[in-house]
């Protein structure tokens, strides 16, 4: 009896990486790549039409980044399992992806075998990450548990961890370019985050966003 093919969609603005993934994943007997997209908006349009079972989403795409795409998919198409293709092995980055609704997180520098294993695990409804990432997550969960008595404003849930990172760096006086360098993302992605923050909070500029975060004690402590 033939294995059931796992329907996969890939979104990444790196054409070489995208083509390579399509080719290599297509060689797996239980995988079929049903579509690709170079940015977040096109990814959302095609995923809604193609209804893949697993979506590989680059975290740093133009237009709509991976976190925003994941949030929308989690809300509108929760049956689609999302694996974020990330650039950094940082707890805050992974936590932001989980908060957005991701089912897995794979570094782009990981091996192809690791990606294949992650896809199959996530398809089986098993959230998957490396042992090192798991250790970071347990540490972060322990920190959150110890802080659970702190009253968190309702409006906090409207902002992702990455959006709070951006606001905190604006508060430090960093420009969009400097923020991008600090977070290992594109300058356009920073602009997208700021646009999303202002839209969510119905504010007019980045300085109002900082003031909003200060008043609600949402800013991350400066090191």
N, C-alpha and C. Protein backbone atom coordinates (compact mmCIF):
# COMPACT_ATOMS: atom_id res chain seq x y z
N UNK A 1 0.85 -1.20 0.00
CA UNK A 1 0.00 0.00 0.00
C UNK A 1 0.89 1.25 0.00
N UNK A 2 0.68 2.15 -0.95
CA UNK A 2 1.51 3.35 -1.09
C UNK A 2 1.30 4.29 0.10
N UNK A 3 2.40 4.96 0.48
CA UNK A 3 2.30 5.92 1.57
C UNK A 3 1.51 7.13 1.13
N UNK A 4 0.74 7.70 2.07
CA UNK A 4 0.01 8.92 1.79
C UNK A 4 0.99 10.08 1.73
N UNK A 5 0.93 10.88 0.67
CA UNK A 5 1.85 12.01 0.51
C UNK A 5 1.46 13.17 1.42
N UNK A 6 2.46 13.76 2.07
CA UNK A 6 2.24 14.95 2.89
C UNK A 6 2.33 16.17 1.98
N UNK A 7 1.25 16.93 1.92
CA UNK A 7 1.19 18.10 1.05
C UNK A 7 1.90 19.27 1.72
N UNK A 8 2.94 19.78 1.04
CA UNK A 8 3.81 20.81 1.63
C UNK A 8 3.79 22.08 0.79
N UNK A 9 3.75 23.21 1.47
CA UNK A 9 3.87 24.53 0.82
C UNK A 9 5.11 25.20 1.40
N UNK A 10 5.86 25.91 0.53
CA UNK A 10 7.09 26.57 0.97
C UNK A 10 7.04 28.06 0.63
N UNK A 11 7.33 28.91 1.62
CA UNK A 11 7.39 30.36 1.38
C UNK A 11 8.75 30.88 1.83
N UNK A 12 9.51 31.43 0.87
CA UNK A 12 10.84 31.97 1.18
C UNK A 12 11.22 32.95 0.07
N UNK A 13 11.82 34.08 0.44
CA UNK A 13 12.19 35.07 -0.58
C UNK A 13 13.57 34.79 -1.18
N UNK A 14 14.26 33.76 -0.71
CA UNK A 14 15.53 33.35 -1.29
C UNK A 14 15.26 32.32 -2.38
N UNK A 15 15.36 32.74 -3.63
CA UNK A 15 14.98 31.88 -4.76
C UNK A 15 15.80 30.59 -4.82
N UNK A 16 17.11 30.69 -4.56
CA UNK A 16 17.96 29.51 -4.62
C UNK A 16 17.56 28.50 -3.55
N UNK A 17 17.32 28.99 -2.33
CA UNK A 17 16.91 28.11 -1.25
C UNK A 17 15.55 27.49 -1.56
N UNK A 18 14.64 28.32 -2.08
CA UNK A 18 13.30 27.84 -2.40
C UNK A 18 13.35 26.71 -3.44
N UNK A 19 14.11 26.94 -4.51
CA UNK A 19 14.20 25.93 -5.56
C UNK A 19 14.88 24.66 -5.05
N UNK A 20 15.89 24.84 -4.18
CA UNK A 20 16.57 23.69 -3.62
C UNK A 20 15.66 22.84 -2.75
N UNK A 21 14.85 23.50 -1.93
CA UNK A 21 13.92 22.78 -1.07
C UNK A 21 12.87 22.04 -1.89
N UNK A 22 12.36 22.69 -2.93
CA UNK A 22 11.36 22.05 -3.79
C UNK A 22 11.93 20.77 -4.39
N UNK A 23 13.16 20.86 -4.88
CA UNK A 23 13.80 19.72 -5.52
C UNK A 23 14.07 18.59 -4.52
N UNK A 24 14.65 18.93 -3.38
CA UNK A 24 15.05 17.91 -2.41
C UNK A 24 13.85 17.28 -1.70
N UNK A 25 12.88 18.10 -1.34
CA UNK A 25 11.70 17.55 -0.67
C UNK A 25 10.88 16.70 -1.64
N UNK A 26 10.89 17.09 -2.91
CA UNK A 26 10.15 16.33 -3.92
C UNK A 26 10.69 14.94 -4.13
N UNK A 27 11.93 14.70 -3.71
CA UNK A 27 12.53 13.37 -3.85
C UNK A 27 12.09 12.41 -2.76
N UNK A 28 11.46 12.93 -1.70
CA UNK A 28 10.96 12.07 -0.63
C UNK A 28 9.65 11.42 -1.08
N UNK A 29 9.54 10.12 -0.92
CA UNK A 29 8.38 9.40 -1.44
C UNK A 29 7.07 9.76 -0.74
N UNK A 30 7.16 10.30 0.47
CA UNK A 30 5.93 10.65 1.19
C UNK A 30 5.67 12.15 1.21
N UNK A 31 6.40 12.93 0.39
CA UNK A 31 6.20 14.37 0.32
C UNK A 31 5.74 14.77 -1.08
N UNK A 32 4.91 15.82 -1.16
CA UNK A 32 4.60 16.45 -2.44
C UNK A 32 4.50 17.95 -2.20
N UNK A 33 5.31 18.73 -2.90
CA UNK A 33 5.28 20.19 -2.77
C UNK A 33 4.18 20.73 -3.68
N UNK A 34 3.14 21.30 -3.07
CA UNK A 34 1.98 21.74 -3.84
C UNK A 34 2.05 23.19 -4.29
N UNK A 35 2.99 23.96 -3.72
CA UNK A 35 3.09 25.36 -4.12
C UNK A 35 4.20 26.08 -3.39
N UNK A 36 4.58 27.25 -3.93
CA UNK A 36 5.62 28.08 -3.31
C UNK A 36 5.24 29.55 -3.45
N UNK A 37 5.88 30.39 -2.63
CA UNK A 37 5.65 31.83 -2.72
C UNK A 37 6.89 32.57 -2.24
N UNK A 38 7.17 33.77 -2.81
CA UNK A 38 8.35 34.54 -2.42
C UNK A 38 8.10 35.57 -1.32
N UNK A 39 6.84 35.71 -0.90
CA UNK A 39 6.54 36.66 0.17
C UNK A 39 5.28 36.24 0.92
N UNK A 40 5.01 36.94 2.01
CA UNK A 40 3.93 36.56 2.90
C UNK A 40 2.54 36.67 2.31
N UNK A 41 2.27 37.75 1.60
CA UNK A 41 0.92 37.95 1.04
C UNK A 41 0.55 36.86 0.04
N UNK A 42 1.49 36.56 -0.87
CA UNK A 42 1.24 35.52 -1.86
C UNK A 42 1.12 34.15 -1.20
N UNK A 43 1.89 33.95 -0.15
CA UNK A 43 1.82 32.68 0.58
C UNK A 43 0.43 32.48 1.15
N UNK A 44 -0.12 33.50 1.79
CA UNK A 44 -1.45 33.39 2.39
C UNK A 44 -2.51 33.11 1.33
N UNK A 45 -2.43 33.81 0.20
CA UNK A 45 -3.40 33.60 -0.87
C UNK A 45 -3.37 32.16 -1.37
N UNK A 46 -2.16 31.65 -1.63
CA UNK A 46 -2.03 30.32 -2.20
C UNK A 46 -2.34 29.22 -1.19
N UNK A 47 -1.95 29.42 0.05
CA UNK A 47 -2.22 28.41 1.07
C UNK A 47 -3.72 28.24 1.27
N UNK A 48 -4.46 29.33 1.23
CA UNK A 48 -5.91 29.24 1.38
C UNK A 48 -6.54 28.47 0.24
N UNK A 49 -5.95 28.59 -0.96
CA UNK A 49 -6.47 27.86 -2.13
C UNK A 49 -6.00 26.41 -2.16
N UNK A 50 -4.72 26.18 -1.84
CA UNK A 50 -4.13 24.85 -2.00
C UNK A 50 -4.35 23.93 -0.81
N UNK A 51 -4.60 24.52 0.37
CA UNK A 51 -4.87 23.73 1.57
C UNK A 51 -3.79 22.66 1.84
N UNK A 52 -2.51 23.05 1.96
CA UNK A 52 -1.47 22.07 2.28
C UNK A 52 -1.62 21.59 3.71
N UNK A 53 -0.96 20.50 4.03
CA UNK A 53 -0.98 20.00 5.40
C UNK A 53 0.12 20.62 6.24
N UNK A 54 1.25 20.93 5.59
CA UNK A 54 2.39 21.54 6.28
C UNK A 54 2.89 22.73 5.46
N UNK A 55 3.16 23.84 6.13
CA UNK A 55 3.70 25.03 5.45
C UNK A 55 5.05 25.38 6.07
N UNK A 56 6.07 25.47 5.22
CA UNK A 56 7.39 25.93 5.65
C UNK A 56 7.46 27.43 5.39
N UNK A 57 7.60 28.21 6.44
CA UNK A 57 7.51 29.67 6.32
C UNK A 57 8.80 30.33 6.79
N UNK A 58 9.44 31.08 5.90
CA UNK A 58 10.64 31.84 6.24
C UNK A 58 10.27 32.96 7.20
N UNK A 59 11.02 33.12 8.27
CA UNK A 59 10.68 34.13 9.27
C UNK A 59 10.91 35.56 8.78
N UNK A 60 11.82 35.76 7.80
CA UNK A 60 12.21 37.12 7.42
C UNK A 60 11.78 37.56 6.04
N UNK A 61 10.57 37.19 5.62
CA UNK A 61 10.10 37.57 4.28
C UNK A 61 9.67 39.03 4.20
N UNK A 62 9.71 39.60 2.98
CA UNK A 62 9.18 40.96 2.79
C UNK A 62 7.66 40.93 2.79
N UNK A 63 7.06 42.10 2.81
CA UNK A 63 5.61 42.25 2.79
C UNK A 63 5.02 41.83 4.13
N UNK A 64 4.77 40.55 4.33
CA UNK A 64 4.36 40.01 5.62
C UNK A 64 5.41 39.00 6.04
N UNK A 65 5.98 39.16 7.25
CA UNK A 65 7.03 38.24 7.66
C UNK A 65 6.43 36.93 8.17
N UNK A 66 7.32 36.00 8.52
CA UNK A 66 6.87 34.68 8.92
C UNK A 66 5.96 34.66 10.13
N UNK A 67 6.22 35.54 11.10
CA UNK A 67 5.40 35.57 12.31
C UNK A 67 3.97 36.02 11.98
N UNK A 68 3.84 37.04 11.16
CA UNK A 68 2.51 37.53 10.81
C UNK A 68 1.74 36.49 10.01
N UNK A 69 2.43 35.85 9.05
CA UNK A 69 1.78 34.80 8.26
C UNK A 69 1.32 33.66 9.17
N UNK A 70 2.17 33.28 10.10
CA UNK A 70 1.83 32.20 11.03
C UNK A 70 0.62 32.55 11.88
N UNK A 71 0.58 33.78 12.38
CA UNK A 71 -0.56 34.22 13.18
C UNK A 71 -1.87 34.11 12.40
N UNK A 72 -1.84 34.57 11.15
CA UNK A 72 -3.04 34.54 10.32
C UNK A 72 -3.46 33.11 10.02
N UNK A 73 -2.50 32.26 9.69
CA UNK A 73 -2.81 30.85 9.41
C UNK A 73 -3.36 30.16 10.65
N UNK A 74 -2.77 30.45 11.79
CA UNK A 74 -3.23 29.83 13.04
C UNK A 74 -4.68 30.20 13.34
N UNK A 75 -5.02 31.43 12.99
CA UNK A 75 -6.39 31.90 13.24
C UNK A 75 -7.37 31.41 12.18
N UNK A 76 -6.99 31.50 10.91
CA UNK A 76 -7.92 31.21 9.82
C UNK A 76 -7.87 29.77 9.32
N UNK A 77 -6.68 29.15 9.37
CA UNK A 77 -6.52 27.78 8.87
C UNK A 77 -5.73 26.95 9.89
N UNK A 78 -6.30 26.71 11.05
CA UNK A 78 -5.55 26.01 12.12
C UNK A 78 -5.15 24.59 11.75
N UNK A 79 -5.78 24.02 10.72
CA UNK A 79 -5.42 22.65 10.31
C UNK A 79 -4.09 22.60 9.59
N UNK A 80 -3.59 23.74 9.12
CA UNK A 80 -2.29 23.79 8.44
C UNK A 80 -1.19 23.88 9.49
N UNK A 81 -0.31 22.89 9.50
CA UNK A 81 0.82 22.88 10.44
C UNK A 81 1.91 23.79 9.89
N UNK A 82 2.44 24.68 10.73
CA UNK A 82 3.45 25.65 10.30
C UNK A 82 4.80 25.35 10.93
N UNK A 83 5.82 25.29 10.08
CA UNK A 83 7.20 25.17 10.54
C UNK A 83 7.94 26.43 10.11
N UNK A 84 8.47 27.15 11.08
CA UNK A 84 9.22 28.38 10.80
C UNK A 84 10.66 28.04 10.41
N UNK A 85 11.13 28.65 9.33
CA UNK A 85 12.53 28.53 8.94
C UNK A 85 13.25 29.76 9.50
N UNK A 86 14.01 29.57 10.58
CA UNK A 86 14.62 30.70 11.28
C UNK A 86 16.10 30.86 11.02
N UNK A 87 16.63 31.98 11.50
CA UNK A 87 18.04 32.31 11.29
C UNK A 87 18.87 32.24 12.56
N UNK A 88 18.23 32.38 13.71
CA UNK A 88 18.99 32.43 14.97
C UNK A 88 18.41 31.47 15.99
N UNK A 89 19.30 30.90 16.81
CA UNK A 89 18.92 29.97 17.86
C UNK A 89 18.75 30.73 19.17
N UNK A 90 17.73 31.58 19.22
CA UNK A 90 17.48 32.41 20.40
C UNK A 90 16.13 32.08 21.01
N UNK A 91 16.09 32.00 22.33
CA UNK A 91 14.85 31.63 23.01
C UNK A 91 13.72 32.60 22.69
N UNK A 92 14.01 33.91 22.70
CA UNK A 92 12.96 34.90 22.44
C UNK A 92 12.37 34.72 21.05
N UNK A 93 13.25 34.40 20.08
CA UNK A 93 12.78 34.18 18.70
C UNK A 93 11.85 32.97 18.63
N UNK A 94 12.26 31.87 19.27
CA UNK A 94 11.46 30.65 19.26
C UNK A 94 10.14 30.87 19.99
N UNK A 95 10.20 31.56 21.13
CA UNK A 95 8.97 31.83 21.89
C UNK A 95 8.01 32.67 21.08
N UNK A 96 8.53 33.65 20.33
CA UNK A 96 7.66 34.48 19.49
C UNK A 96 6.96 33.63 18.44
N UNK A 97 7.68 32.65 17.89
CA UNK A 97 7.08 31.76 16.89
C UNK A 97 6.00 30.90 17.50
N UNK A 98 6.25 30.39 18.69
CA UNK A 98 5.26 29.56 19.38
C UNK A 98 4.02 30.38 19.71
N UNK A 99 4.23 31.61 20.19
CA UNK A 99 3.10 32.49 20.50
C UNK A 99 2.27 32.78 19.26
N UNK A 100 2.93 32.83 18.11
CA UNK A 100 2.21 33.10 16.86
C UNK A 100 1.44 31.89 16.37
N UNK A 101 1.75 30.69 16.91
CA UNK A 101 1.02 29.49 16.52
C UNK A 101 1.82 28.47 15.74
N UNK A 102 3.16 28.63 15.69
CA UNK A 102 3.98 27.69 14.93
C UNK A 102 4.02 26.32 15.61
N UNK A 103 4.12 25.27 14.80
CA UNK A 103 4.21 23.91 15.32
C UNK A 103 5.64 23.40 15.37
N UNK A 104 6.56 24.09 14.69
CA UNK A 104 7.95 23.68 14.67
C UNK A 104 8.85 24.84 14.28
N UNK A 105 10.13 24.72 14.58
CA UNK A 105 11.11 25.77 14.27
C UNK A 105 12.40 25.09 13.84
N UNK A 106 12.87 25.41 12.64
CA UNK A 106 14.09 24.80 12.10
C UNK A 106 15.04 25.90 11.64
N UNK A 107 16.28 25.85 12.11
CA UNK A 107 17.28 26.81 11.64
C UNK A 107 17.64 26.51 10.20
N UNK A 108 17.86 27.57 9.42
CA UNK A 108 18.22 27.37 8.01
C UNK A 108 19.57 26.68 7.86
N UNK A 109 20.38 26.73 8.90
CA UNK A 109 21.68 26.07 8.83
C UNK A 109 21.60 24.60 9.23
N UNK A 110 20.40 24.13 9.59
CA UNK A 110 20.23 22.73 9.99
C UNK A 110 20.40 21.80 8.79
N UNK A 111 20.57 20.52 9.08
CA UNK A 111 20.71 19.53 8.01
C UNK A 111 19.36 19.27 7.35
N UNK A 112 19.42 18.79 6.11
CA UNK A 112 18.19 18.46 5.40
C UNK A 112 17.45 17.33 6.11
N UNK A 113 18.19 16.37 6.65
CA UNK A 113 17.56 15.26 7.37
C UNK A 113 16.77 15.77 8.57
N UNK A 114 17.31 16.79 9.24
CA UNK A 114 16.60 17.36 10.39
C UNK A 114 15.29 18.01 9.95
N UNK A 115 15.32 18.69 8.82
CA UNK A 115 14.09 19.31 8.30
C UNK A 115 13.06 18.25 7.96
N UNK A 116 13.49 17.18 7.30
CA UNK A 116 12.58 16.09 6.93
C UNK A 116 11.96 15.47 8.18
N UNK A 117 12.78 15.25 9.20
CA UNK A 117 12.28 14.68 10.45
C UNK A 117 11.26 15.60 11.10
N UNK A 118 11.54 16.89 11.05
CA UNK A 118 10.62 17.87 11.64
C UNK A 118 9.28 17.87 10.91
N UNK A 119 9.31 17.85 9.59
CA UNK A 119 8.07 17.84 8.80
C UNK A 119 7.22 16.63 9.17
N UNK A 120 7.84 15.47 9.22
CA UNK A 120 7.09 14.25 9.54
C UNK A 120 6.54 14.27 10.96
N UNK A 121 7.33 14.79 11.89
CA UNK A 121 6.88 14.86 13.28
C UNK A 121 5.70 15.82 13.44
N UNK A 122 5.83 17.00 12.84
CA UNK A 122 4.76 17.99 12.91
C UNK A 122 3.49 17.47 12.25
N UNK A 123 3.65 16.76 11.15
CA UNK A 123 2.48 16.18 10.46
C UNK A 123 1.76 15.17 11.36
N UNK A 124 2.51 14.54 12.26
CA UNK A 124 1.91 13.59 13.21
C UNK A 124 1.38 14.30 14.46
N UNK A 125 1.26 15.63 14.37
CA UNK A 125 0.77 16.45 15.48
C UNK A 125 1.74 16.48 16.66
N UNK A 126 3.03 16.37 16.36
CA UNK A 126 4.06 16.46 17.39
C UNK A 126 4.86 17.74 17.17
N UNK A 127 4.78 18.69 18.11
CA UNK A 127 5.59 19.90 18.02
C UNK A 127 7.05 19.47 18.10
N UNK A 128 7.91 20.08 17.29
CA UNK A 128 9.28 19.57 17.19
C UNK A 128 10.30 20.70 17.21
N UNK A 129 11.36 20.51 17.98
CA UNK A 129 12.51 21.42 17.95
C UNK A 129 13.72 20.65 18.45
N UNK A 130 14.89 21.20 18.26
CA UNK A 130 16.12 20.51 18.64
C UNK A 130 16.22 20.43 20.16
N UNK A 131 17.04 19.49 20.69
CA UNK A 131 17.23 19.39 22.15
C UNK A 131 17.71 20.71 22.76
N UNK A 132 18.60 21.42 22.03
CA UNK A 132 19.10 22.69 22.56
C UNK A 132 17.97 23.70 22.67
N UNK A 133 17.10 23.74 21.65
CA UNK A 133 15.97 24.66 21.69
C UNK A 133 14.99 24.27 22.80
N UNK A 134 14.79 22.96 22.97
CA UNK A 134 13.88 22.49 24.01
C UNK A 134 14.37 22.93 25.39
N UNK A 135 15.68 22.83 25.61
CA UNK A 135 16.25 23.26 26.89
C UNK A 135 16.01 24.75 27.12
N UNK A 136 16.16 25.55 26.05
CA UNK A 136 15.93 26.99 26.16
C UNK A 136 14.47 27.28 26.49
N UNK A 137 13.57 26.52 25.86
CA UNK A 137 12.15 26.73 26.08
C UNK A 137 11.75 26.40 27.52
N UNK A 138 12.27 25.27 28.04
CA UNK A 138 11.94 24.90 29.42
C UNK A 138 12.45 25.97 30.39
N UNK A 139 13.62 26.53 30.09
CA UNK A 139 14.16 27.59 30.93
C UNK A 139 13.26 28.81 30.89
N UNK A 140 12.78 29.15 29.69
CA UNK A 140 11.90 30.30 29.53
C UNK A 140 10.57 30.08 30.23
N UNK A 141 10.02 28.86 30.12
CA UNK A 141 8.76 28.54 30.77
C UNK A 141 8.91 28.66 32.29
N UNK A 142 10.05 28.22 32.81
CA UNK A 142 10.30 28.33 34.24
C UNK A 142 10.32 29.80 34.67
N UNK A 143 10.94 30.65 33.84
CA UNK A 143 10.98 32.08 34.14
C UNK A 143 9.58 32.67 34.15
N UNK A 144 8.77 32.28 33.16
CA UNK A 144 7.41 32.79 33.08
C UNK A 144 6.57 32.34 34.27
N UNK A 145 6.82 31.10 34.71
CA UNK A 145 6.07 30.58 35.85
C UNK A 145 6.37 31.37 37.11
N UNK A 146 7.65 31.72 37.28
CA UNK A 146 8.04 32.49 38.47
C UNK A 146 7.49 33.90 38.44
N UNK A 147 7.16 34.38 37.23
CA UNK A 147 6.63 35.74 37.08
C UNK A 147 5.11 35.75 36.94
N UNK A 148 4.48 34.60 37.14
CA UNK A 148 3.05 34.46 36.84
C UNK A 148 2.15 35.34 37.69
N UNK A 149 2.67 35.80 38.83
CA UNK A 149 1.85 36.65 39.69
C UNK A 149 1.79 38.08 39.19
N UNK A 150 2.64 38.41 38.22
CA UNK A 150 2.64 39.77 37.68
C UNK A 150 1.39 39.98 36.83
N UNK A 151 0.69 41.06 37.04
CA UNK A 151 -0.51 41.37 36.27
C UNK A 151 -0.12 41.85 34.88
N UNK A 152 -0.48 41.11 33.86
CA UNK A 152 -0.17 41.49 32.49
C UNK A 152 -1.38 42.14 31.85
N UNK A 153 -1.24 43.34 31.29
CA UNK A 153 -2.37 44.01 30.66
C UNK A 153 -2.95 43.18 29.53
N UNK A 154 -4.25 43.30 29.34
CA UNK A 154 -4.94 42.57 28.28
C UNK A 154 -4.34 42.90 26.92
N UNK A 155 -3.95 44.15 26.71
CA UNK A 155 -3.44 44.57 25.42
C UNK A 155 -2.12 43.89 25.05
N UNK A 156 -1.45 43.29 26.04
CA UNK A 156 -0.18 42.62 25.77
C UNK A 156 -0.33 41.49 24.76
N UNK A 157 -1.45 40.80 24.79
CA UNK A 157 -1.63 39.66 23.90
C UNK A 157 -1.72 40.08 22.44
N UNK A 158 -1.91 41.35 22.19
CA UNK A 158 -2.02 41.81 20.81
C UNK A 158 -0.65 41.93 20.13
N UNK A 159 0.41 41.95 20.93
CA UNK A 159 1.75 42.13 20.37
C UNK A 159 2.56 40.84 20.51
N UNK A 160 3.29 40.49 19.45
CA UNK A 160 4.15 39.32 19.50
C UNK A 160 5.45 39.67 20.22
N UNK A 161 6.19 38.64 20.57
CA UNK A 161 7.48 38.86 21.21
C UNK A 161 8.41 39.68 20.35
N UNK A 162 8.39 39.43 19.04
CA UNK A 162 9.27 40.16 18.13
C UNK A 162 8.85 41.64 18.06
N UNK A 163 7.55 41.92 18.08
CA UNK A 163 7.08 43.31 18.05
C UNK A 163 7.51 44.05 19.31
N UNK A 164 7.49 43.35 20.45
CA UNK A 164 7.97 43.97 21.69
C UNK A 164 9.47 44.20 21.65
N UNK A 165 10.19 43.28 20.97
CA UNK A 165 11.63 43.50 20.77
C UNK A 165 11.87 44.80 20.01
N UNK A 166 11.10 45.00 18.95
CA UNK A 166 11.26 46.19 18.10
C UNK A 166 10.96 47.45 18.89
N UNK A 167 9.89 47.45 19.67
CA UNK A 167 9.54 48.64 20.47
C UNK A 167 10.65 48.94 21.48
N UNK A 168 11.17 47.90 22.11
CA UNK A 168 12.23 48.09 23.11
C UNK A 168 13.47 48.70 22.48
N UNK A 169 13.79 48.27 21.25
CA UNK A 169 14.98 48.81 20.57
C UNK A 169 14.73 50.24 20.08
N UNK A 170 13.49 50.55 19.72
CA UNK A 170 13.15 51.94 19.38
C UNK A 170 13.37 52.81 20.61
N UNK A 171 12.96 52.29 21.78
CA UNK A 171 13.14 53.02 23.03
C UNK A 171 14.61 53.27 23.32
N UNK A 172 15.50 52.38 22.84
CA UNK A 172 16.94 52.56 23.02
C UNK A 172 17.51 53.60 22.04
N UNK A 173 16.66 54.07 21.12
CA UNK A 173 17.10 55.09 20.18
C UNK A 173 17.66 54.55 18.89
N UNK A 174 17.45 53.27 18.60
CA UNK A 174 18.00 52.66 17.40
C UNK A 174 17.15 53.00 16.18
N UNK A 175 17.81 53.15 15.04
CA UNK A 175 17.11 53.37 13.77
C UNK A 175 16.61 52.03 13.24
N UNK A 176 15.78 52.06 12.19
CA UNK A 176 15.28 50.82 11.60
C UNK A 176 16.44 49.92 11.15
N UNK A 177 17.45 50.54 10.54
CA UNK A 177 18.61 49.77 10.06
C UNK A 177 19.36 49.13 11.22
N UNK A 178 19.52 49.87 12.32
CA UNK A 178 20.22 49.33 13.48
C UNK A 178 19.43 48.22 14.16
N UNK A 179 18.10 48.39 14.18
CA UNK A 179 17.23 47.34 14.74
C UNK A 179 17.34 46.07 13.92
N UNK A 180 17.34 46.23 12.60
CA UNK A 180 17.45 45.08 11.70
C UNK A 180 18.75 44.32 11.96
N UNK A 181 19.83 45.06 12.13
CA UNK A 181 21.14 44.43 12.39
C UNK A 181 21.13 43.71 13.72
N UNK A 182 20.53 44.31 14.74
CA UNK A 182 20.49 43.71 16.08
C UNK A 182 19.67 42.41 16.08
N UNK A 183 18.58 42.39 15.31
CA UNK A 183 17.68 41.24 15.30
C UNK A 183 17.94 40.26 14.17
N UNK A 184 18.96 40.55 13.35
CA UNK A 184 19.32 39.67 12.23
C UNK A 184 18.16 39.52 11.23
N UNK A 185 17.49 40.63 10.93
CA UNK A 185 16.41 40.62 9.96
C UNK A 185 16.61 41.77 8.97
N UNK A 186 15.78 41.82 7.93
CA UNK A 186 15.89 42.87 6.93
C UNK A 186 15.28 44.18 7.46
N UNK A 187 15.77 45.32 6.94
CA UNK A 187 15.22 46.62 7.34
C UNK A 187 13.74 46.71 6.99
N UNK A 188 13.36 46.16 5.84
CA UNK A 188 11.95 46.19 5.44
C UNK A 188 11.08 45.41 6.43
N UNK A 189 11.64 44.33 6.98
CA UNK A 189 10.90 43.55 7.96
C UNK A 189 10.65 44.37 9.22
N UNK A 190 11.63 45.18 9.61
CA UNK A 190 11.46 46.06 10.76
C UNK A 190 10.33 47.05 10.48
N UNK A 191 10.34 47.63 9.28
CA UNK A 191 9.28 48.57 8.90
C UNK A 191 7.91 47.89 8.95
N UNK A 192 7.87 46.63 8.51
CA UNK A 192 6.61 45.89 8.54
C UNK A 192 6.13 45.70 9.98
N UNK A 193 7.07 45.38 10.88
CA UNK A 193 6.72 45.20 12.29
C UNK A 193 6.15 46.50 12.86
N UNK A 194 6.81 47.62 12.57
CA UNK A 194 6.34 48.91 13.10
C UNK A 194 4.95 49.24 12.55
N UNK A 195 4.75 48.99 11.26
CA UNK A 195 3.43 49.22 10.66
C UNK A 195 2.37 48.37 11.37
N UNK A 196 2.69 47.11 11.62
CA UNK A 196 1.74 46.22 12.28
C UNK A 196 1.44 46.67 13.71
N UNK A 197 2.49 47.12 14.42
CA UNK A 197 2.31 47.60 15.79
C UNK A 197 1.36 48.79 15.83
N UNK A 198 1.62 49.77 14.95
CA UNK A 198 0.79 50.97 14.92
C UNK A 198 -0.64 50.64 14.52
N UNK A 199 -0.78 49.69 13.59
CA UNK A 199 -2.11 49.30 13.15
C UNK A 199 -2.87 48.60 14.27
N UNK A 200 -2.20 47.68 14.96
CA UNK A 200 -2.85 46.94 16.05
C UNK A 200 -3.29 47.87 17.18
N UNK A 201 -2.41 48.80 17.54
CA UNK A 201 -2.68 49.67 18.69
C UNK A 201 -3.37 50.96 18.31
N UNK A 202 -3.59 51.14 16.98
CA UNK A 202 -4.26 52.35 16.48
C UNK A 202 -3.52 53.62 16.93
N UNK A 203 -2.20 53.60 16.72
CA UNK A 203 -1.36 54.74 17.05
C UNK A 203 -0.83 55.36 15.77
N UNK A 204 -0.19 56.54 15.89
CA UNK A 204 0.22 57.30 14.71
C UNK A 204 1.69 57.19 14.38
N UNK A 205 2.55 56.97 15.39
CA UNK A 205 3.98 56.92 15.11
C UNK A 205 4.70 56.04 16.13
N UNK A 206 5.96 55.77 15.86
CA UNK A 206 6.76 54.86 16.69
C UNK A 206 6.94 55.37 18.12
N UNK A 207 6.95 56.70 18.28
CA UNK A 207 7.15 57.26 19.61
C UNK A 207 5.92 57.05 20.49
N UNK A 208 4.74 57.09 19.87
CA UNK A 208 3.52 56.77 20.62
C UNK A 208 3.53 55.31 21.04
N UNK A 209 4.08 54.44 20.19
CA UNK A 209 4.17 53.02 20.53
C UNK A 209 5.07 52.80 21.74
N UNK A 210 6.20 53.52 21.78
CA UNK A 210 7.10 53.41 22.92
C UNK A 210 6.41 53.89 24.19
N UNK A 211 5.71 55.01 24.11
CA UNK A 211 5.02 55.55 25.27
C UNK A 211 3.94 54.58 25.76
N UNK A 212 3.25 53.98 24.80
CA UNK A 212 2.21 52.98 25.11
C UNK A 212 2.83 51.83 25.91
N UNK A 213 3.98 51.34 25.43
CA UNK A 213 4.64 50.21 26.06
C UNK A 213 5.19 50.58 27.44
N UNK A 214 5.69 51.82 27.56
CA UNK A 214 6.21 52.27 28.86
C UNK A 214 5.11 52.30 29.91
N UNK A 215 3.98 52.87 29.53
CA UNK A 215 2.87 53.02 30.47
C UNK A 215 2.37 51.66 30.97
N UNK A 216 2.46 50.65 30.12
CA UNK A 216 1.95 49.31 30.48
C UNK A 216 3.06 48.36 30.92
N UNK A 217 4.28 48.95 31.09
CA UNK A 217 5.44 48.19 31.56
C UNK A 217 5.71 46.96 30.69
N UNK A 218 5.65 47.15 29.37
CA UNK A 218 5.88 46.07 28.43
C UNK A 218 7.31 46.05 27.88
N UNK A 219 8.05 47.15 28.11
CA UNK A 219 9.40 47.23 27.56
C UNK A 219 10.32 46.26 28.24
N UNK A 220 11.18 45.61 27.44
CA UNK A 220 12.15 44.68 27.99
C UNK A 220 13.26 45.46 28.69
N UNK A 221 13.76 44.88 29.79
CA UNK A 221 14.80 45.57 30.55
C UNK A 221 16.07 45.71 29.72
N UNK A 222 16.68 46.88 29.77
CA UNK A 222 17.92 47.11 29.05
C UNK A 222 19.07 46.42 29.75
N UNK A 223 19.91 45.76 28.94
CA UNK A 223 21.05 45.06 29.53
C UNK A 223 22.17 46.03 29.87
